C-alpha atoms as a PDB file:
ATOM      1  CA  MET A   1      72.868 -49.577  35.510  1.00  0.00           C
ATOM      2  CA  LYS A   2      69.583 -50.260  37.254  1.00  0.00           C
ATOM      3  CA  VAL A   3      66.829 -47.582  36.882  1.00  0.00           C
ATOM      4  CA  THR A   4      65.854 -46.329  40.376  1.00  0.00           C
ATOM      5  CA  LYS A   5      65.025 -42.712  39.654  1.00  0.00           C
ATOM      6  CA  ALA A   6      61.918 -41.279  38.086  1.00  0.00           C
ATOM      7  CA  VAL A   7      60.805 -37.767  37.037  1.00  0.00           C
ATOM      8  CA  ILE A   8      57.236 -36.703  37.002  1.00  0.00           C
ATOM      9  CA  PRO A   9      56.628 -33.353  35.161  1.00  0.00           C
ATOM     10  CA  ALA A  10      53.555 -31.783  36.767  1.00  0.00           C
ATOM     11  CA  ALA A  11      53.847 -28.111  35.977  1.00  0.00           C
ATOM     12  CA  GLY A  12      51.281 -27.908  33.255  1.00  0.00           C
ATOM     13  CA  LEU A  13      48.384 -25.399  33.625  1.00  0.00           C
ATOM     14  CA  GLY A  14      45.629 -27.896  32.742  1.00  0.00           C
ATOM     15  CA  THR A  15      43.832 -25.545  30.470  1.00  0.00           C
ATOM     16  CA  ARG A  16      41.903 -28.253  28.752  1.00  0.00           C
ATOM     17  CA  VAL A  17      39.937 -29.033  31.905  1.00  0.00           C
ATOM     18  CA  LEU A  18      39.269 -25.557  33.155  1.00  0.00           C
ATOM     19  CA  PRO A  19      37.507 -24.272  35.354  1.00  0.00           C
ATOM     20  CA  ALA A  20      38.227 -27.385  37.515  1.00  0.00           C
ATOM     21  CA  THR A  21      41.983 -26.592  37.395  1.00  0.00           C
ATOM     22  CA  LYS A  22      41.708 -22.847  38.115  1.00  0.00           C
ATOM     23  CA  ALA A  23      42.775 -23.556  41.707  1.00  0.00           C
ATOM     24  CA  MET A  24      43.288 -27.364  41.713  1.00  0.00           C
ATOM     25  CA  PRO A  25      46.267 -28.941  39.870  1.00  0.00           C
ATOM     26  CA  LYS A  26      44.962 -31.417  37.273  1.00  0.00           C
ATOM     27  CA  GLU A  27      47.352 -33.942  38.820  1.00  0.00           C
ATOM     28  CA  MET A  28      45.187 -33.806  42.032  1.00  0.00           C
ATOM     29  CA  LEU A  29      41.884 -34.520  40.232  1.00  0.00           C
ATOM     30  CA  THR A  30      40.556 -37.823  41.648  1.00  0.00           C
ATOM     31  CA  ILE A  31      39.939 -41.041  40.117  1.00  0.00           C
ATOM     32  CA  VAL A  32      37.400 -42.607  42.585  1.00  0.00           C
ATOM     33  CA  ASP A  33      39.319 -42.039  45.867  1.00  0.00           C
ATOM     34  CA  LYS A  34      42.933 -41.189  44.871  1.00  0.00           C
ATOM     35  CA  PRO A  35      44.341 -38.213  43.017  1.00  0.00           C
ATOM     36  CA  ALA A  36      45.835 -38.968  39.574  1.00  0.00           C
ATOM     37  CA  ILE A  37      49.327 -38.349  40.579  1.00  0.00           C
ATOM     38  CA  GLN A  38      49.180 -41.045  43.285  1.00  0.00           C
ATOM     39  CA  TYR A  39      48.364 -43.652  40.705  1.00  0.00           C
ATOM     40  CA  ILE A  40      51.498 -42.487  38.731  1.00  0.00           C
ATOM     41  CA  VAL A  41      53.769 -42.616  41.759  1.00  0.00           C
ATOM     42  CA  GLU A  42      52.430 -46.052  42.694  1.00  0.00           C
ATOM     43  CA  GLU A  43      53.117 -47.266  39.185  1.00  0.00           C
ATOM     44  CA  ALA A  44      56.710 -46.028  39.499  1.00  0.00           C
ATOM     45  CA  VAL A  45      57.174 -47.770  42.761  1.00  0.00           C
ATOM     46  CA  ARG A  46      55.840 -51.035  41.475  1.00  0.00           C
ATOM     47  CA  SER A  47      58.354 -50.766  38.670  1.00  0.00           C
ATOM     48  CA  GLY A  48      61.252 -50.710  41.229  1.00  0.00           C
ATOM     49  CA  ILE A  49      61.726 -46.881  41.437  1.00  0.00           C
ATOM     50  CA  THR A  50      62.890 -45.667  44.828  1.00  0.00           C
ATOM     51  CA  ASP A  51      63.604 -41.942  44.207  1.00  0.00           C
ATOM     52  CA  ILE A  52      61.130 -39.655  42.534  1.00  0.00           C
ATOM     53  CA  LEU A  53      61.317 -35.992  41.530  1.00  0.00           C
ATOM     54  CA  ILE A  54      58.012 -34.190  40.896  1.00  0.00           C
ATOM     55  CA  ILE A  55      58.437 -31.034  38.920  1.00  0.00           C
ATOM     56  CA  THR A  56      55.746 -28.439  39.943  1.00  0.00           C
ATOM     57  CA  ASN A  57      55.253 -24.663  39.581  1.00  0.00           C
ATOM     58  CA  ARG A  58      53.425 -21.977  41.481  1.00  0.00           C
ATOM     59  CA  GLY A  59      50.182 -22.894  42.944  1.00  0.00           C
ATOM     60  CA  LYS A  60      50.835 -26.659  43.170  1.00  0.00           C
ATOM     61  CA  GLY A  61      51.829 -26.963  46.779  1.00  0.00           C
ATOM     62  CA  VAL A  62      48.925 -29.226  47.462  1.00  0.00           C
ATOM     63  CA  ILE A  63      50.724 -31.944  45.613  1.00  0.00           C
ATOM     64  CA  GLU A  64      53.583 -31.717  48.146  1.00  0.00           C
ATOM     65  CA  ASP A  65      51.109 -31.735  51.023  1.00  0.00           C
ATOM     66  CA  HIS A  66      49.490 -34.962  49.722  1.00  0.00           C
ATOM     67  CA  PHE A  67      52.729 -36.887  49.934  1.00  0.00           C
ATOM     68  CA  ASP A  68      53.645 -35.424  53.375  1.00  0.00           C
ATOM     69  CA  ARG A  69      52.440 -36.538  56.871  1.00  0.00           C
ATOM     70  CA  CYS A  70      49.522 -34.862  58.398  1.00  0.00           C
ATOM     71  CA  PRO A  71      49.699 -35.442  62.283  1.00  0.00           C
ATOM     72  CA  GLU A  72      46.390 -33.756  63.152  1.00  0.00           C
ATOM     73  CA  LEU A  73      44.530 -36.093  60.733  1.00  0.00           C
ATOM     74  CA  GLU A  74      46.477 -39.077  61.670  1.00  0.00           C
ATOM     75  CA  GLU A  75      45.711 -38.464  65.372  1.00  0.00           C
ATOM     76  CA  ARG A  76      41.975 -37.956  64.632  1.00  0.00           C
ATOM     77  CA  LEU A  77      41.909 -41.222  62.671  1.00  0.00           C
ATOM     78  CA  LEU A  78      43.569 -43.290  65.480  1.00  0.00           C
ATOM     79  CA  ALA A  79      41.347 -41.670  68.140  1.00  0.00           C
ATOM     80  CA  SER A  80      38.309 -42.718  66.038  1.00  0.00           C
ATOM     81  CA  GLY A  81      39.466 -46.246  65.666  1.00  0.00           C
ATOM     82  CA  LYS A  82      39.943 -45.984  61.912  1.00  0.00           C
ATOM     83  CA  LYS A  83      43.273 -47.834  61.864  1.00  0.00           C
ATOM     84  CA  ASP A  84      42.849 -49.106  58.292  1.00  0.00           C
ATOM     85  CA  VAL A  85      42.390 -45.507  56.963  1.00  0.00           C
ATOM     86  CA  TYR A  86      45.278 -44.347  59.193  1.00  0.00           C
ATOM     87  CA  ASP A  87      47.564 -46.964  57.650  1.00  0.00           C
ATOM     88  CA  GLU A  88      46.541 -45.987  54.145  1.00  0.00           C
ATOM     89  CA  VAL A  89      47.111 -42.242  54.791  1.00  0.00           C
ATOM     90  CA  VAL A  90      50.444 -42.757  56.356  1.00  0.00           C
ATOM     91  CA  GLY A  91      51.497 -45.197  53.687  1.00  0.00           C
ATOM     92  CA  ILE A  92      51.265 -42.422  51.027  1.00  0.00           C
ATOM     93  CA  SER A  93      54.123 -40.644  52.610  1.00  0.00           C
ATOM     94  CA  LYS A  94      56.227 -43.824  52.622  1.00  0.00           C
ATOM     95  CA  LEU A  95      55.735 -44.797  48.952  1.00  0.00           C
ATOM     96  CA  ALA A  96      59.149 -43.698  47.888  1.00  0.00           C
ATOM     97  CA  ASN A  97      61.857 -40.914  48.491  1.00  0.00           C
ATOM     98  CA  ILE A  98      59.865 -38.015  46.957  1.00  0.00           C
ATOM     99  CA  PHE A  99      61.387 -34.742  46.144  1.00  0.00           C
ATOM    100  CA  PHE A 100      60.021 -31.525  44.510  1.00  0.00           C
ATOM    101  CA  ILE A 101      61.416 -28.684  42.377  1.00  0.00           C
ATOM    102  CA  ARG A 102      59.584 -25.869  40.729  1.00  0.00           C
ATOM    103  CA  GLN A 103      59.762 -25.083  37.002  1.00  0.00           C
ATOM    104  CA  LYS A 104      59.738 -21.319  37.345  1.00  0.00           C
ATOM    105  CA  GLU A 105      58.709 -20.798  33.695  1.00  0.00           C
ATOM    106  CA  THR A 106      56.488 -23.092  31.737  1.00  0.00           C
ATOM    107  CA  LYS A 107      58.756 -23.484  28.671  1.00  0.00           C
ATOM    108  CA  GLY A 108      57.773 -26.977  27.637  1.00  0.00           C
ATOM    109  CA  LEU A 109      58.234 -30.673  28.646  1.00  0.00           C
ATOM    110  CA  GLY A 110      61.860 -30.540  27.488  1.00  0.00           C
ATOM    111  CA  HIS A 111      62.599 -27.612  29.819  1.00  0.00           C
ATOM    112  CA  ALA A 112      60.819 -29.305  32.676  1.00  0.00           C
ATOM    113  CA  VAL A 113      62.955 -32.488  32.300  1.00  0.00           C
ATOM    114  CA  SER A 114      66.090 -30.411  32.112  1.00  0.00           C
ATOM    115  CA  CYS A 115      65.273 -29.130  35.670  1.00  0.00           C
ATOM    116  CA  ALA A 116      65.999 -32.762  36.829  1.00  0.00           C
ATOM    117  CA  LYS A 117      69.622 -32.713  35.814  1.00  0.00           C
ATOM    118  CA  ASN A 118      71.121 -32.523  39.294  1.00  0.00           C
ATOM    119  CA  PHE A 119      68.633 -35.028  40.658  1.00  0.00           C
ATOM    120  CA  VAL A 120      69.362 -37.624  37.965  1.00  0.00           C
ATOM    121  CA  GLY A 121      73.182 -37.258  37.883  1.00  0.00           C
ATOM    122  CA  ASN A 122      74.789 -39.775  35.558  1.00  0.00           C
ATOM    123  CA  GLU A 123      72.076 -42.371  35.789  1.00  0.00           C
ATOM    124  CA  PRO A 124      69.285 -43.555  33.503  1.00  0.00           C
ATOM    125  CA  PHE A 125      65.816 -42.401  34.636  1.00  0.00           C
ATOM    126  CA  ALA A 126      62.200 -42.838  33.963  1.00  0.00           C
ATOM    127  CA  VAL A 127      59.834 -40.030  32.927  1.00  0.00           C
ATOM    128  CA  LEU A 128      56.208 -40.551  33.810  1.00  0.00           C
ATOM    129  CA  TYR A 129      54.079 -37.703  32.342  1.00  0.00           C
ATOM    130  CA  GLY A 130      51.809 -36.016  34.940  1.00  0.00           C
ATOM    131  CA  ASP A 131      48.806 -36.017  32.517  1.00  0.00           C
ATOM    132  CA  ASP A 132      48.901 -39.728  31.930  1.00  0.00           C
ATOM    133  CA  VAL A 133      47.510 -42.365  34.288  1.00  0.00           C
ATOM    134  CA  ILE A 134      48.123 -45.969  33.002  1.00  0.00           C
ATOM    135  CA  ILE A 135      46.412 -48.833  34.782  1.00  0.00           C
ATOM    136  CA  GLY A 136      47.300 -52.508  34.335  1.00  0.00           C
ATOM    137  CA  GLU A 137      48.654 -55.571  36.081  1.00  0.00           C
ATOM    138  CA  ASP A 138      52.082 -55.039  34.699  1.00  0.00           C
ATOM    139  CA  PRO A 139      53.141 -51.420  35.357  1.00  0.00           C
ATOM    140  CA  ALA A 140      53.902 -49.639  32.099  1.00  0.00           C
ATOM    141  CA  CYS A 141      57.013 -48.047  33.542  1.00  0.00           C
ATOM    142  CA  GLY A 142      58.346 -51.480  34.523  1.00  0.00           C
ATOM    143  CA  GLN A 143      57.798 -52.776  30.885  1.00  0.00           C
ATOM    144  CA  LEU A 144      60.009 -49.793  29.657  1.00  0.00           C
ATOM    145  CA  ILE A 145      62.663 -50.506  32.340  1.00  0.00           C
ATOM    146  CA  ARG A 146      63.002 -54.130  31.247  1.00  0.00           C
ATOM    147  CA  ALA A 147      63.575 -52.994  27.706  1.00  0.00           C
ATOM    148  CA  TYR A 148      66.245 -50.600  28.724  1.00  0.00           C
ATOM    149  CA  GLU A 149      67.881 -53.402  30.749  1.00  0.00           C
ATOM    150  CA  GLU A 150      67.860 -55.640  27.676  1.00  0.00           C
ATOM    151  CA  PHE A 151      68.934 -53.290  24.964  1.00  0.00           C
ATOM    152  CA  GLY A 152      70.773 -50.572  26.880  1.00  0.00           C
ATOM    153  CA  LYS A 153      69.166 -47.736  24.827  1.00  0.00           C
ATOM    154  CA  ALA A 154      66.620 -45.065  25.848  1.00  0.00           C
ATOM    155  CA  VAL A 155      63.048 -46.312  25.624  1.00  0.00           C
ATOM    156  CA  VAL A 156      59.686 -44.720  24.576  1.00  0.00           C
ATOM    157  CA  GLY A 157      56.329 -46.053  25.591  1.00  0.00           C
ATOM    158  CA  ILE A 158      54.193 -46.075  22.491  1.00  0.00           C
ATOM    159  CA  LYS A 159      50.618 -46.661  21.288  1.00  0.00           C
ATOM    160  CA  ALA A 160      48.928 -46.634  17.818  1.00  0.00           C
ATOM    161  CA  VAL A 161      46.529 -43.719  17.525  1.00  0.00           C
ATOM    162  CA  SER A 162      44.265 -42.257  14.848  1.00  0.00           C
ATOM    163  CA  GLU A 163      45.595 -40.076  12.049  1.00  0.00           C
ATOM    164  CA  GLU A 164      43.692 -37.148  13.673  1.00  0.00           C
ATOM    165  CA  ALA A 165      45.226 -37.736  17.092  1.00  0.00           C
ATOM    166  CA  ILE A 166      48.749 -38.198  15.665  1.00  0.00           C
ATOM    167  CA  ARG A 167      48.740 -34.509  14.694  1.00  0.00           C
ATOM    168  CA  LYS A 168      48.356 -33.670  18.330  1.00  0.00           C
ATOM    169  CA  TYR A 169      51.166 -35.961  19.496  1.00  0.00           C
ATOM    170  CA  SER A 170      54.355 -37.304  17.917  1.00  0.00           C
ATOM    171  CA  SER A 171      54.866 -39.742  15.039  1.00  0.00           C
ATOM    172  CA  LEU A 172      57.619 -42.391  15.104  1.00  0.00           C
ATOM    173  CA  LYS A 173      59.651 -44.253  12.599  1.00  0.00           C
ATOM    174  CA  LEU A 174      59.745 -47.838  13.799  1.00  0.00           C
ATOM    175  CA  ASP A 175      61.065 -51.246  12.846  1.00  0.00           C
ATOM    176  CA  PRO A 176      59.766 -54.336  14.585  1.00  0.00           C
ATOM    177  CA  ILE A 177      62.085 -56.316  16.941  1.00  0.00           C
ATOM    178  CA  ARG A 178      59.789 -58.851  18.320  1.00  0.00           C
ATOM    179  CA  ASP A 179      56.340 -59.004  19.973  1.00  0.00           C
ATOM    180  CA  ASN A 180      55.568 -55.545  21.269  1.00  0.00           C
ATOM    181  CA  LEU A 181      59.162 -54.183  20.894  1.00  0.00           C
ATOM    182  CA  PHE A 182      60.349 -51.963  18.178  1.00  0.00           C
ATOM    183  CA  SER A 183      63.499 -50.050  17.106  1.00  0.00           C
ATOM    184  CA  CYS A 184      62.850 -46.300  16.895  1.00  0.00           C
ATOM    185  CA  THR A 185      65.087 -44.287  14.535  1.00  0.00           C
ATOM    186  CA  ASP A 186      63.215 -41.016  14.058  1.00  0.00           C
ATOM    187  CA  MET A 187      60.205 -39.056  15.232  1.00  0.00           C
ATOM    188  CA  VAL A 188      58.207 -35.887  14.403  1.00  0.00           C
ATOM    189  CA  GLU A 189      56.501 -33.743  17.000  1.00  0.00           C
ATOM    190  CA  LYS A 190      52.890 -32.782  16.090  1.00  0.00           C
ATOM    191  CA  PRO A 191      53.127 -33.657  12.330  1.00  0.00           C
ATOM    192  CA  GLN A 192      50.811 -31.399  10.289  1.00  0.00           C
ATOM    193  CA  THR A 193      51.023 -33.035   6.830  1.00  0.00           C
ATOM    194  CA  LYS A 194      50.694 -36.551   5.617  1.00  0.00           C
ATOM    195  CA  GLU A 195      54.303 -36.523   4.476  1.00  0.00           C
ATOM    196  CA  GLU A 196      55.543 -35.716   8.005  1.00  0.00           C
ATOM    197  CA  ILE A 197      53.675 -38.751   9.483  1.00  0.00           C
ATOM    198  CA  LEU A 198      56.242 -41.435   9.926  1.00  0.00           C
ATOM    199  CA  SER A 199      53.672 -43.984  11.350  1.00  0.00           C
ATOM    200  CA  LEU A 200      50.530 -43.906  13.594  1.00  0.00           C
ATOM    201  CA  TYR A 201      52.556 -44.888  16.651  1.00  0.00           C
ATOM    202  CA  SER A 202      53.030 -42.088  19.099  1.00  0.00           C
ATOM    203  CA  ILE A 203      54.813 -41.617  22.457  1.00  0.00           C
ATOM    204  CA  LEU A 204      52.188 -41.717  25.147  1.00  0.00           C
ATOM    205  CA  GLY A 205      53.060 -40.958  28.709  1.00  0.00           C
ATOM    206  CA  ARG A 206      56.196 -42.820  29.450  1.00  0.00           C
ATOM    207  CA  CYS A 207      59.882 -43.008  28.543  1.00  0.00           C
ATOM    208  CA  VAL A 208      63.243 -44.075  30.082  1.00  0.00           C
ATOM    209  CA  LEU A 209      66.058 -41.784  29.162  1.00  0.00           C
ATOM    210  CA  THR A 210      69.848 -41.810  29.552  1.00  0.00           C
ATOM    211  CA  PRO A 211      71.631 -38.739  31.088  1.00  0.00           C
ATOM    212  CA  ASP A 212      73.048 -37.608  27.763  1.00  0.00           C
ATOM    213  CA  ILE A 213      69.574 -36.205  27.071  1.00  0.00           C
ATOM    214  CA  PHE A 214      70.484 -33.159  29.290  1.00  0.00           C
ATOM    215  CA  ASP A 215      73.326 -32.015  26.970  1.00  0.00           C
ATOM    216  CA  ILE A 216      70.994 -32.451  23.976  1.00  0.00           C
ATOM    217  CA  LEU A 217      68.255 -30.443  25.718  1.00  0.00           C
ATOM    218  CA  GLU A 218      70.678 -27.547  26.318  1.00  0.00           C
ATOM    219  CA  ASN A 219      71.143 -27.301  22.567  1.00  0.00           C
ATOM    220  CA  THR A 220      67.504 -27.893  21.566  1.00  0.00           C
ATOM    221  CA  ALA A 221      65.785 -24.770  20.162  1.00  0.00           C
ATOM    222  CA  PRO A 222      62.176 -24.056  20.871  1.00  0.00           C
ATOM    223  CA  GLY A 223      59.893 -26.228  18.705  1.00  0.00           C
ATOM    224  CA  ALA A 224      56.101 -26.724  18.393  1.00  0.00           C
ATOM    225  CA  GLY A 225      54.208 -24.033  20.302  1.00  0.00           C
ATOM    226  CA  GLY A 226      57.471 -21.992  20.925  1.00  0.00           C
ATOM    227  CA  GLU A 227      58.387 -24.485  23.701  1.00  0.00           C
ATOM    228  CA  ILE A 228      61.339 -26.713  24.245  1.00  0.00           C
ATOM    229  CA  GLN A 229      59.964 -30.114  23.266  1.00  0.00           C
ATOM    230  CA  LEU A 230      61.313 -33.284  24.845  1.00  0.00           C
ATOM    231  CA  THR A 231      60.417 -35.082  21.553  1.00  0.00           C
ATOM    232  CA  ASP A 232      62.925 -32.848  19.697  1.00  0.00           C
ATOM    233  CA  ALA A 233      65.637 -33.922  22.063  1.00  0.00           C
ATOM    234  CA  MET A 234      64.653 -37.558  21.892  1.00  0.00           C
ATOM    235  CA  ARG A 235      64.762 -37.333  18.030  1.00  0.00           C
ATOM    236  CA  THR A 236      68.429 -36.636  18.220  1.00  0.00           C
ATOM    237  CA  LEU A 237      68.861 -39.756  20.377  1.00  0.00           C
ATOM    238  CA  ALA A 238      66.825 -41.786  17.924  1.00  0.00           C
ATOM    239  CA  ARG A 239      68.692 -40.599  14.863  1.00  0.00           C
ATOM    240  CA  THR A 240      72.126 -41.103  16.376  1.00  0.00           C
ATOM    241  CA  VAL A 241      72.216 -44.168  18.802  1.00  0.00           C
ATOM    242  CA  GLY A 242      68.626 -45.290  18.334  1.00  0.00           C
ATOM    243  CA  MET A 243      65.874 -45.935  20.880  1.00  0.00           C
ATOM    244  CA  THR A 244      63.596 -48.841  21.763  1.00  0.00           C
ATOM    245  CA  GLY A 245      59.875 -48.531  21.496  1.00  0.00           C
ATOM    246  CA  VAL A 246      57.486 -50.627  23.820  1.00  0.00           C
ATOM    247  CA  ASP A 247      53.887 -50.921  22.823  1.00  0.00           C
ATOM    248  CA  PHE A 248      52.934 -51.162  26.528  1.00  0.00           C
ATOM    249  CA  THR A 249      49.996 -53.035  27.967  1.00  0.00           C
ATOM    250  CA  GLY A 250      47.581 -51.278  30.324  1.00  0.00           C
ATOM    251  CA  ILE A 251      44.863 -48.716  29.874  1.00  0.00           C
ATOM    252  CA  ARG A 252      45.929 -45.105  29.432  1.00  0.00           C
ATOM    253  CA  TYR A 253      43.794 -42.274  30.729  1.00  0.00           C
ATOM    254  CA  ASP A 254      44.447 -38.614  29.647  1.00  0.00           C
ATOM    255  CA  MET A 255      43.829 -36.702  32.860  1.00  0.00           C
ATOM    256  CA  GLY A 256      44.155 -33.397  30.854  1.00  0.00           C
ATOM    257  CA  ASP A 257      41.025 -34.198  28.979  1.00  0.00           C
ATOM    258  CA  LYS A 258      37.469 -34.038  30.365  1.00  0.00           C
ATOM    259  CA  LEU A 259      36.360 -37.331  28.615  1.00  0.00           C
ATOM    260  CA  GLY A 260      39.545 -39.047  29.777  1.00  0.00           C
ATOM    261  CA  ILE A 261      38.764 -38.121  33.361  1.00  0.00           C
ATOM    262  CA  LEU A 262      35.234 -39.456  33.047  1.00  0.00           C
ATOM    263  CA  LYS A 263      36.371 -42.668  31.561  1.00  0.00           C
ATOM    264  CA  ALA A 264      39.034 -43.216  34.241  1.00  0.00           C
ATOM    265  CA  THR A 265      36.390 -42.651  36.968  1.00  0.00           C
ATOM    266  CA  VAL A 266      33.863 -44.962  35.493  1.00  0.00           C
ATOM    267  CA  GLU A 267      36.199 -47.756  34.577  1.00  0.00           C
ATOM    268  CA  VAL A 268      38.219 -47.684  37.815  1.00  0.00           C
ATOM    269  CA  ALA A 269      35.026 -47.596  39.871  1.00  0.00           C
ATOM    270  CA  LEU A 270      33.651 -50.624  38.019  1.00  0.00           C
ATOM    271  CA  ALA A 271      36.778 -52.586  38.835  1.00  0.00           C
ATOM    272  CA  ASN A 272      36.639 -51.606  42.525  1.00  0.00           C
ATOM    273  CA  PRO A 273      35.857 -54.746  44.563  1.00  0.00           C
ATOM    274  CA  VAL A 274      33.536 -52.736  46.905  1.00  0.00           C
ATOM    275  CA  LEU A 275      31.985 -50.180  44.666  1.00  0.00           C
ATOM    276  CA  GLY A 276      31.976 -52.148  41.347  1.00  0.00           C
ATOM    277  CA  GLU A 277      28.694 -53.999  41.589  1.00  0.00           C
ATOM    278  CA  PRO A 278      26.503 -51.197  43.177  1.00  0.00           C
ATOM    279  CA  PHE A 279      28.043 -48.730  40.753  1.00  0.00           C
ATOM    280  CA  LYS A 280      27.321 -50.957  37.787  1.00  0.00           C
ATOM    281  CA  GLU A 281      23.677 -51.248  38.820  1.00  0.00           C
ATOM    282  CA  TYR A 282      23.518 -47.464  39.209  1.00  0.00           C
ATOM    283  CA  LEU A 283      24.894 -46.920  35.737  1.00  0.00           C
ATOM    284  CA  LYS A 284      22.451 -49.425  34.207  1.00  0.00           C
ATOM    285  CA  GLU A 285      19.472 -47.531  35.863  1.00  0.00           C
ATOM    286  CA  THR A 286      20.824 -44.108  34.903  1.00  0.00           C
ATOM    287  CA  VAL A 287      21.535 -45.013  31.263  1.00  0.00           C
ATOM    288  CA  ALA A 288      18.111 -46.643  30.921  1.00  0.00           C
ATOM    289  CA  ALA A 289      16.465 -43.421  32.303  1.00  0.00           C
ATOM    290  CA  PHE A 290      18.187 -41.432  29.510  1.00  0.00           C
END
């Protein structure tokens, strides 16, 4: 079955980037001229996704507003002769069929994904974490979807990280298939001892899941941090039917981390065809002055 639906969990509190996120969702923090979540939605659309569910919570209505029409602004832009900007603004509302649901309690990523059960139905679906912007010519979500179409199993997007970082993420048991593809048969969320570390590969930001994940989530007890961890449910899939790991291409930016936000802003600005050169000169002068 073709993957046409995606879920974007965006209900986190963004505590690592306070005070910026006290009143502004971290998903709306900008990278040059677009909010982080727009990059994520655009990646999904480039991957063939047509229907997207964004999971929010209280105080994140601005995300809904961003993907809605704004007649007053649109009229002003047309009256000012700014047709290019008008087309860009209107285009945001036409990227995909975008729906919203609130996670009324922040009980973890697993709980957030379980809120998508009615939206997903009996179809495979992609999950794009709201913290992670991945930029590359070949959309990361699309790379995972191709692996699902080839092997028919749930897929995790993976990257090698440091031993220090693996303790903050998850650790995967992998066997190589070919190139950047792996068979995943086990995983541990936030391993705290060397014995628990299965490898230095971790799930970072993307996965494609089958609908049986919802029954597993219903029977998943709270794990690390007292939350329902999606990794714990995926571990059941990995141990029973197996999963596929894709060491995806593209640069990942952690938008829940202050340094990650700065890196994204600088690197995306440098790649911008209009801003790139003048910004590069500015950086050279500024760095020299320090």
